[in-house]
């Protein structure tokens, strides 16, 4: 599945948020030399409980809006992201 995420780098902590219908991810990593992109894949891997190899950044390497391809069902991904909103 492909999902568009708004990424906010250089935050105090990593966090998943939902703004309207859109997903927003806050990351501790700075947006320098692709560190935020790498951290996004690692963080999503942890949140979704999937190996990093099943998560790829398709578009938005230098943008705040990222298109991420996740090798999993849409219901699984949205369920795992929603669990992070509660905790």
PDB file of N, CA and C in Angstrom:
ATOM      1  N   UNK A   1       0.833  -1.176   0.000  1.00  0.00           N
ATOM      2  CA  UNK A   1       0.000   0.000   0.000  1.00  0.00           C
ATOM      3  C   UNK A   1       0.874   1.235   0.000  1.00  0.00           C
ATOM      4  N   UNK A   2       0.367   2.310  -0.567  1.00  0.00           N
ATOM      5  CA  UNK A   2       1.061   3.590  -0.550  1.00  0.00           C
ATOM      6  C   UNK A   2       0.311   4.526   0.374  1.00  0.00           C
ATOM      7  N   UNK A   3       1.070   5.284   1.148  1.00  0.00           N
ATOM      8  CA  UNK A   3       0.467   6.231   2.076  1.00  0.00           C
ATOM      9  C   UNK A   3       1.264   7.531   2.028  1.00  0.00           C
ATOM     10  N   UNK A   4       0.547   8.646   2.062  1.00  0.00           N
ATOM     11  CA  UNK A   4       1.195   9.950   2.116  1.00  0.00           C
ATOM     12  C   UNK A   4       1.233  10.416   3.562  1.00  0.00           C
ATOM     13  N   UNK A   5       2.411  10.861   3.985  1.00  0.00           N
ATOM     14  CA  UNK A   5       2.628  11.304   5.360  1.00  0.00           C
ATOM     15  C   UNK A   5       3.222  12.700   5.353  1.00  0.00           C
ATOM     16  N   UNK A   6       2.805  13.526   6.285  1.00  0.00           N
ATOM     17  CA  UNK A   6       3.469  14.805   6.496  1.00  0.00           C
ATOM     18  C   UNK A   6       4.474  14.586   7.612  1.00  0.00           C
ATOM     19  N   UNK A   7       5.710  14.924   7.351  1.00  0.00           N
ATOM     20  CA  UNK A   7       6.785  14.679   8.312  1.00  0.00           C
ATOM     21  C   UNK A   7       7.294  16.002   8.864  1.00  0.00           C
ATOM     22  N   UNK A   8       7.403  16.081  10.188  1.00  0.00           N
ATOM     23  CA  UNK A   8       7.955  17.256  10.858  1.00  0.00           C
ATOM     24  C   UNK A   8       9.251  16.824  11.547  1.00  0.00           C
ATOM     25  N   UNK A   9      10.393  17.123  10.954  1.00  0.00           N
ATOM     26  CA  UNK A   9      11.672  16.739  11.566  1.00  0.00           C
ATOM     27  C   UNK A   9      12.070  17.678  12.696  1.00  0.00           C
ATOM     28  N   UNK A  10      13.106  17.259  13.414  1.00  0.00           N
ATOM     29  CA  UNK A  10      13.734  18.081  14.450  1.00  0.00           C
ATOM     30  C   UNK A  10      12.765  18.418  15.587  1.00  0.00           C
ATOM     31  N   UNK A  11      11.992  17.443  16.026  1.00  0.00           N
ATOM     32  CA  UNK A  11      11.048  17.615  17.132  1.00  0.00           C
ATOM     33  C   UNK A  11      11.654  17.054  18.408  1.00  0.00           C
ATOM     34  N   UNK A  12      10.969  17.223  19.514  1.00  0.00           N
ATOM     35  CA  UNK A  12      11.482  16.718  20.799  1.00  0.00           C
ATOM     36  C   UNK A  12      11.403  15.201  20.894  1.00  0.00           C
ATOM     37  N   UNK A  13      10.384  14.604  20.265  1.00  0.00           N
ATOM     38  CA  UNK A  13      10.194  13.161  20.360  1.00  0.00           C
ATOM     39  C   UNK A  13       9.502  12.667  19.096  1.00  0.00           C
ATOM     40  N   UNK A  14       9.544  11.362  18.883  1.00  0.00           N
ATOM     41  CA  UNK A  14       8.864  10.738  17.756  1.00  0.00           C
ATOM     42  C   UNK A  14       7.406  10.511  18.140  1.00  0.00           C
ATOM     43  N   UNK A  15       6.507  10.836  17.212  1.00  0.00           N
ATOM     44  CA  UNK A  15       5.089  10.717  17.523  1.00  0.00           C
ATOM     45  C   UNK A  15       4.278  10.619  16.242  1.00  0.00           C
ATOM     46  N   UNK A  16       3.199   9.830  16.292  1.00  0.00           N
ATOM     47  CA  UNK A  16       2.245   9.727  15.190  1.00  0.00           C
ATOM     48  C   UNK A  16       1.035  10.571  15.553  1.00  0.00           C
ATOM     49  N   UNK A  17       0.578  11.395  14.602  1.00  0.00           N
ATOM     50  CA  UNK A  17      -0.600  12.222  14.814  1.00  0.00           C
ATOM     51  C   UNK A  17      -1.517  12.100  13.604  1.00  0.00           C
ATOM     52  N   UNK A  18      -2.787  12.373  13.816  1.00  0.00           N
ATOM     53  CA  UNK A  18      -3.741  12.385  12.708  1.00  0.00           C
ATOM     54  C   UNK A  18      -4.395  13.759  12.692  1.00  0.00           C
ATOM     55  N   UNK A  19      -4.231  14.460  11.570  1.00  0.00           N
ATOM     56  CA  UNK A  19      -4.805  15.782  11.396  1.00  0.00           C
ATOM     57  C   UNK A  19      -5.883  15.651  10.317  1.00  0.00           C
ATOM     58  N   UNK A  20      -7.142  15.650  10.723  1.00  0.00           N
ATOM     59  CA  UNK A  20      -8.221  15.414   9.757  1.00  0.00           C
ATOM     60  C   UNK A  20      -8.115  14.000   9.216  1.00  0.00           C
ATOM     61  N   UNK A  21      -7.937  13.880   7.901  1.00  0.00           N
ATOM     62  CA  UNK A  21      -7.763  12.559   7.291  1.00  0.00           C
ATOM     63  C   UNK A  21      -6.298  12.238   7.046  1.00  0.00           C
ATOM     64  N   UNK A  22      -5.410  13.199   7.311  1.00  0.00           N
ATOM     65  CA  UNK A  22      -3.994  13.047   6.995  1.00  0.00           C
ATOM     66  C   UNK A  22      -3.192  12.586   8.205  1.00  0.00           C
ATOM     67  N   UNK A  23      -2.172  11.768   7.930  1.00  0.00           N
ATOM     68  CA  UNK A  23      -1.254  11.302   8.973  1.00  0.00           C
ATOM     69  C   UNK A  23      -0.062  12.228   9.030  1.00  0.00           C
ATOM     70  N   UNK A  24       0.371  12.557  10.236  1.00  0.00           N
ATOM     71  CA  UNK A  24       1.554  13.382  10.440  1.00  0.00           C
ATOM     72  C   UNK A  24       2.488  12.643  11.389  1.00  0.00           C
ATOM     73  N   UNK A  25       3.761  12.642  11.050  1.00  0.00           N
ATOM     74  CA  UNK A  25       4.777  11.981  11.870  1.00  0.00           C
ATOM     75  C   UNK A  25       5.774  13.037  12.345  1.00  0.00           C
ATOM     76  N   UNK A  26       5.948  13.112  13.654  1.00  0.00           N
ATOM     77  CA  UNK A  26       6.978  13.991  14.226  1.00  0.00           C
ATOM     78  C   UNK A  26       8.215  13.144  14.477  1.00  0.00           C
ATOM     79  N   UNK A  27       9.370  13.647  14.054  1.00  0.00           N
ATOM     80  CA  UNK A  27      10.616  12.894  14.191  1.00  0.00           C
ATOM     81  C   UNK A  27      11.659  13.710  14.938  1.00  0.00           C
ATOM     82  N   UNK A  28      12.467  13.030  15.755  1.00  0.00           N
ATOM     83  CA  UNK A  28      13.571  13.684  16.464  1.00  0.00           C
ATOM     84  C   UNK A  28      14.701  14.053  15.518  1.00  0.00           C
ATOM     85  N   UNK A  29      14.876  13.280  14.463  1.00  0.00           N
ATOM     86  CA  UNK A  29      16.026  13.453  13.569  1.00  0.00           C
ATOM     87  C   UNK A  29      15.929  14.765  12.778  1.00  0.00           C
ATOM     88  N   UNK A  30      17.060  15.408  12.547  1.00  0.00           N
ATOM     89  CA  UNK A  30      17.055  16.634  11.748  1.00  0.00           C
ATOM     90  C   UNK A  30      16.964  16.322  10.253  1.00  0.00           C
ATOM     91  N   UNK A  31      16.492  17.295   9.500  1.00  0.00           N
ATOM     92  CA  UNK A  31      16.363  17.123   8.048  1.00  0.00           C
ATOM     93  C   UNK A  31      17.673  17.501   7.364  1.00  0.00           C
ATOM     94  N   UNK A  32      18.739  16.829   7.734  1.00  0.00           N
ATOM     95  CA  UNK A  32      20.065  17.090   7.176  1.00  0.00           C
ATOM     96  C   UNK A  32      20.629  15.787   6.638  1.00  0.00           C
ATOM     97  N   UNK A  33      21.084  15.804   5.412  1.00  0.00           N
ATOM     98  CA  UNK A  33      21.724  14.638   4.777  1.00  0.00           C
ATOM     99  C   UNK A  33      20.858  13.377   4.819  1.00  0.00           C
ATOM    100  N   UNK A  34      19.543  13.539   4.742  1.00  0.00           N
ATOM    101  CA  UNK A  34      18.652  12.384   4.698  1.00  0.00           C
ATOM    102  C   UNK A  34      18.455  11.670   6.025  1.00  0.00           C
ATOM    103  N   UNK A  35      18.905  12.276   7.125  1.00  0.00           N
ATOM    104  CA  UNK A  35      18.768  11.629   8.430  1.00  0.00           C
ATOM    105  C   UNK A  35      17.305  11.442   8.816  1.00  0.00           C
ATOM    106  N   UNK A  36      16.466  12.432   8.511  1.00  0.00           N
ATOM    107  CA  UNK A  36      15.038  12.315   8.839  1.00  0.00           C
ATOM    108  C   UNK A  36      14.384  11.217   8.016  1.00  0.00           C
ATOM    109  N   UNK A  37      14.763  11.087   6.751  1.00  0.00           N
ATOM    110  CA  UNK A  37      14.203  10.025   5.905  1.00  0.00           C
ATOM    111  C   UNK A  37      14.581   8.650   6.441  1.00  0.00           C
ATOM    112  N   UNK A  38      15.846   8.478   6.806  1.00  0.00           N
ATOM    113  CA  UNK A  38      16.292   7.200   7.368  1.00  0.00           C
ATOM    114  C   UNK A  38      15.575   6.903   8.684  1.00  0.00           C
ATOM    115  N   UNK A  39      15.451   7.926   9.512  1.00  0.00           N
ATOM    116  CA  UNK A  39      14.788   7.753  10.806  1.00  0.00           C
ATOM    117  C   UNK A  39      13.303   7.441  10.615  1.00  0.00           C
ATOM    118  N   UNK A  40      12.680   8.029   9.585  1.00  0.00           N
ATOM    119  CA  UNK A  40      11.273   7.745   9.294  1.00  0.00           C
ATOM    120  C   UNK A  40      11.062   6.263   9.017  1.00  0.00           C
ATOM    121  N   UNK A  41      11.917   5.676   8.199  1.00  0.00           N
ATOM    122  CA  UNK A  41      11.800   4.251   7.877  1.00  0.00           C
ATOM    123  C   UNK A  41      12.005   3.405   9.137  1.00  0.00           C
ATOM    124  N   UNK A  42      12.988   3.753   9.946  1.00  0.00           N
ATOM    125  CA  UNK A  42      13.254   3.008  11.185  1.00  0.00           C
ATOM    126  C   UNK A  42      12.072   3.142  12.148  1.00  0.00           C
ATOM    127  N   UNK A  43      11.547   4.352  12.297  1.00  0.00           N
ATOM    128  CA  UNK A  43      10.428   4.582  13.208  1.00  0.00           C
ATOM    129  C   UNK A  43       9.171   3.848  12.742  1.00  0.00           C
ATOM    130  N   UNK A  44       8.863   3.922  11.443  1.00  0.00           N
ATOM    131  CA  UNK A  44       7.696   3.200  10.922  1.00  0.00           C
ATOM    132  C   UNK A  44       7.866   1.694  11.089  1.00  0.00           C
ATOM    133  N   UNK A  45       9.084   1.211  10.923  1.00  0.00           N
ATOM    134  CA  UNK A  45       9.362  -0.201  11.116  1.00  0.00           C
ATOM    135  C   UNK A  45       9.025  -0.629  12.540  1.00  0.00           C
ATOM    136  N   UNK A  46       9.388   0.214  13.496  1.00  0.00           N
ATOM    137  CA  UNK A  46       9.109  -0.078  14.904  1.00  0.00           C
ATOM    138  C   UNK A  46       7.605   0.008  15.198  1.00  0.00           C
ATOM    139  N   UNK A  47       6.958   1.053  14.703  1.00  0.00           N
ATOM    140  CA  UNK A  47       5.526   1.262  14.950  1.00  0.00           C
ATOM    141  C   UNK A  47       4.687   0.152  14.324  1.00  0.00           C
ATOM    142  N   UNK A  48       5.021  -0.217  13.086  1.00  0.00           N
ATOM    143  CA  UNK A  48       4.232  -1.210  12.354  1.00  0.00           C
ATOM    144  C   UNK A  48       4.672  -2.641  12.652  1.00  0.00           C
ATOM    145  N   UNK A  49       5.778  -2.800  13.362  1.00  0.00           N
ATOM    146  CA  UNK A  49       6.320  -4.123  13.679  1.00  0.00           C
ATOM    147  C   UNK A  49       6.601  -4.908  12.397  1.00  0.00           C
ATOM    148  N   UNK A  50       7.258  -4.227  11.456  1.00  0.00           N
ATOM    149  CA  UNK A  50       7.648  -4.818  10.173  1.00  0.00           C
ATOM    150  C   UNK A  50       9.141  -4.607   9.977  1.00  0.00           C
ATOM    151  N   UNK A  51       9.797  -5.470   9.188  1.00  0.00           N
ATOM    152  CA  UNK A  51      11.210  -5.216   8.879  1.00  0.00           C
ATOM    153  C   UNK A  51      11.356  -3.968   8.001  1.00  0.00           C
ATOM    154  N   UNK A  52      12.487  -3.290   8.131  1.00  0.00           N
ATOM    155  CA  UNK A  52      12.739  -2.076   7.347  1.00  0.00           C
ATOM    156  C   UNK A  52      12.684  -2.334   5.850  1.00  0.00           C
ATOM    157  N   UNK A  53      12.999  -3.547   5.425  1.00  0.00           N
ATOM    158  CA  UNK A  53      13.008  -3.872   4.000  1.00  0.00           C
ATOM    159  C   UNK A  53      11.609  -3.821   3.382  1.00  0.00           C
ATOM    160  N   UNK A  54      10.559  -3.814   4.202  1.00  0.00           N
ATOM    161  CA  UNK A  54       9.186  -3.775   3.695  1.00  0.00           C
ATOM    162  C   UNK A  54       8.630  -2.360   3.653  1.00  0.00           C
ATOM    163  N   UNK A  55       9.488  -1.360   3.926  1.00  0.00           N
ATOM    164  CA  UNK A  55       9.075   0.047   3.924  1.00  0.00           C
ATOM    165  C   UNK A  55      10.026   0.814   3.016  1.00  0.00           C
ATOM    166  N   UNK A  56       9.463   1.493   2.001  1.00  0.00           N
ATOM    167  CA  UNK A  56      10.296   2.252   1.055  1.00  0.00           C
ATOM    168  C   UNK A  56       9.744   3.658   0.881  1.00  0.00           C
ATOM    169  N   UNK A  57      10.642   4.625   0.828  1.00  0.00           N
ATOM    170  CA  UNK A  57      10.278   6.001   0.553  1.00  0.00           C
ATOM    171  C   UNK A  57      10.254   6.177  -0.958  1.00  0.00           C
ATOM    172  N   UNK A  58       9.066   6.420  -1.524  1.00  0.00           N
ATOM    173  CA  UNK A  58       8.941   6.544  -2.973  1.00  0.00           C
ATOM    174  C   UNK A  58       9.153   7.970  -3.459  1.00  0.00           C
ATOM    175  N   UNK A  59       8.499   8.926  -2.808  1.00  0.00           N
ATOM    176  CA  UNK A  59       8.570  10.327  -3.231  1.00  0.00           C
ATOM    177  C   UNK A  59       8.753  11.216  -2.009  1.00  0.00           C
ATOM    178  N   UNK A  60       9.314  12.388  -2.243  1.00  0.00           N
ATOM    179  CA  UNK A  60       9.420  13.380  -1.190  1.00  0.00           C
ATOM    180  C   UNK A  60      10.705  13.346  -0.404  1.00  0.00           C
ATOM    181  N   UNK A  61      11.800  12.945  -1.047  1.00  0.00           N
ATOM    182  CA  UNK A  61      13.075  12.884  -0.324  1.00  0.00           C
ATOM    183  C   UNK A  61      13.461  14.241   0.272  1.00  0.00           C
ATOM    184  N   UNK A  62      13.092  15.335  -0.401  1.00  0.00           N
ATOM    185  CA  UNK A  62      13.447  16.662   0.106  1.00  0.00           C
ATOM    186  C   UNK A  62      12.214  17.469   0.494  1.00  0.00           C
ATOM    187  N   UNK A  63      11.070  16.835   0.579  1.00  0.00           N
ATOM    188  CA  UNK A  63       9.816  17.512   0.901  1.00  0.00           C
ATOM    189  C   UNK A  63       9.302  17.037   2.249  1.00  0.00           C
ATOM    190  N   UNK A  64       8.403  17.805   2.843  1.00  0.00           N
ATOM    191  CA  UNK A  64       7.786  17.381   4.098  1.00  0.00           C
ATOM    192  C   UNK A  64       6.679  16.353   3.854  1.00  0.00           C
ATOM    193  N   UNK A  65       6.124  16.347   2.655  1.00  0.00           N
ATOM    194  CA  UNK A  65       5.101  15.365   2.302  1.00  0.00           C
ATOM    195  C   UNK A  65       5.807  14.181   1.650  1.00  0.00           C
ATOM    196  N   UNK A  66       5.682  13.020   2.270  1.00  0.00           N
ATOM    197  CA  UNK A  66       6.379  11.812   1.799  1.00  0.00           C
ATOM    198  C   UNK A  66       5.361  10.797   1.300  1.00  0.00           C
ATOM    199  N   UNK A  67       5.712  10.108   0.234  1.00  0.00           N
ATOM    200  CA  UNK A  67       4.930   8.971  -0.232  1.00  0.00           C
ATOM    201  C   UNK A  67       5.725   7.729   0.144  1.00  0.00           C
ATOM    202  N   UNK A  68       5.130   6.905   0.996  1.00  0.00           N
ATOM    203  CA  UNK A  68       5.815   5.726   1.512  1.00  0.00           C
ATOM    204  C   UNK A  68       5.060   4.490   1.050  1.00  0.00           C
ATOM    205  N   UNK A  69       5.810   3.519   0.539  1.00  0.00           N
ATOM    206  CA  UNK A  69       5.210   2.240   0.162  1.00  0.00           C
ATOM    207  C   UNK A  69       5.501   1.245   1.276  1.00  0.00           C
ATOM    208  N   UNK A  70       4.430   0.635   1.770  1.00  0.00           N
ATOM    209  CA  UNK A  70       4.553  -0.335   2.855  1.00  0.00           C
ATOM    210  C   UNK A  70       4.003  -1.652   2.355  1.00  0.00           C
ATOM    211  N   UNK A  71       4.803  -2.682   2.473  1.00  0.00           N
ATOM    212  CA  UNK A  71       4.413  -4.010   2.005  1.00  0.00           C
ATOM    213  C   UNK A  71       3.541  -4.686   3.067  1.00  0.00           C
ATOM    214  N   UNK A  72       2.278  -4.195   3.175  1.00  0.00           N
ATOM    215  CA  UNK A  72       1.311  -4.730   4.133  1.00  0.00           C
ATOM    216  C   UNK A  72      -0.074  -4.257   3.705  1.00  0.00           C
ATOM    217  N   UNK A  73      -1.097  -4.869   4.291  1.00  0.00           N
ATOM    218  CA  UNK A  73      -2.475  -4.497   3.992  1.00  0.00           C
ATOM    219  C   UNK A  73      -2.805  -3.135   4.602  1.00  0.00           C
ATOM    220  N   UNK A  74      -3.697  -2.406   3.947  1.00  0.00           N
ATOM    221  CA  UNK A  74      -4.075  -1.070   4.407  1.00  0.00           C
ATOM    222  C   UNK A  74      -4.702  -1.108   5.804  1.00  0.00           C
ATOM    223  N   UNK A  75      -5.565  -2.088   6.073  1.00  0.00           N
ATOM    224  CA  UNK A  75      -6.214  -2.191   7.383  1.00  0.00           C
ATOM    225  C   UNK A  75      -5.184  -2.402   8.494  1.00  0.00           C
ATOM    226  N   UNK A  76      -4.162  -3.210   8.217  1.00  0.00           N
ATOM    227  CA  UNK A  76      -3.102  -3.467   9.192  1.00  0.00           C
ATOM    228  C   UNK A  76      -2.346  -2.174   9.509  1.00  0.00           C
ATOM    229  N   UNK A  77      -1.960  -1.446   8.455  1.00  0.00           N
ATOM    230  CA  UNK A  77      -1.169  -0.220   8.634  1.00  0.00           C
ATOM    231  C   UNK A  77      -1.969   0.837   9.382  1.00  0.00           C
ATOM    232  N   UNK A  78      -3.202   1.097   8.959  1.00  0.00           N
ATOM    233  CA  UNK A  78      -3.999   2.128   9.635  1.00  0.00           C
ATOM    234  C   UNK A  78      -4.318   1.716  11.076  1.00  0.00           C
ATOM    235  N   UNK A  79      -4.504   0.429  11.312  1.00  0.00           N
ATOM    236  CA  UNK A  79      -4.746  -0.048  12.672  1.00  0.00           C
ATOM    237  C   UNK A  79      -3.549   0.198  13.575  1.00  0.00           C
ATOM    238  N   UNK A  80      -2.360  -0.115  13.092  1.00  0.00           N
ATOM    239  CA  UNK A  80      -1.132   0.079  13.882  1.00  0.00           C
ATOM    240  C   UNK A  80      -0.881   1.564  14.136  1.00  0.00           C
ATOM    241  N   UNK A  81      -1.108   2.416  13.116  1.00  0.00           N
ATOM    242  CA  UNK A  81      -0.919   3.860  13.292  1.00  0.00           C
ATOM    243  C   UNK A  81      -1.930   4.409  14.301  1.00  0.00           C
ATOM    244  N   UNK A  82      -3.171   3.930  14.228  1.00  0.00           N
ATOM    245  CA  UNK A  82      -4.207   4.375  15.148  1.00  0.00           C
ATOM    246  C   UNK A  82      -3.874   3.969  16.586  1.00  0.00           C
ATOM    247  N   UNK A  83      -3.278   2.788  16.770  1.00  0.00           N
ATOM    248  CA  UNK A  83      -2.861   2.364  18.112  1.00  0.00           C
ATOM    249  C   UNK A  83      -1.867   3.359  18.705  1.00  0.00           C
ATOM    250  N   UNK A  84      -1.022   3.943  17.882  1.00  0.00           N
ATOM    251  CA  UNK A  84      -0.015   4.903  18.360  1.00  0.00           C
ATOM    252  C   UNK A  84      -0.652   6.202  18.805  1.00  0.00           C
ATOM    253  N   UNK A  85      -1.830   6.537  18.282  1.00  0.00           N
ATOM    254  CA  UNK A  85      -2.520   7.760  18.691  1.00  0.00           C
ATOM    255  C   UNK A  85      -2.962   7.670  20.147  1.00  0.00           C
ATOM    256  N   UNK A  86      -3.369   6.490  20.560  1.00  0.00           N
ATOM    257  CA  UNK A  86      -3.885   6.273  21.901  1.00  0.00           C
ATOM    258  C   UNK A  86      -2.766   6.268  22.931  1.00  0.00           C
ATOM    259  N   UNK A  87      -1.649   5.615  22.580  1.00  0.00           N
ATOM    260  CA  UNK A  87      -0.559   5.484  23.564  1.00  0.00           C
ATOM    261  C   UNK A  87       0.347   6.676  23.616  1.00  0.00           C
TER     262      UNK A  87
END
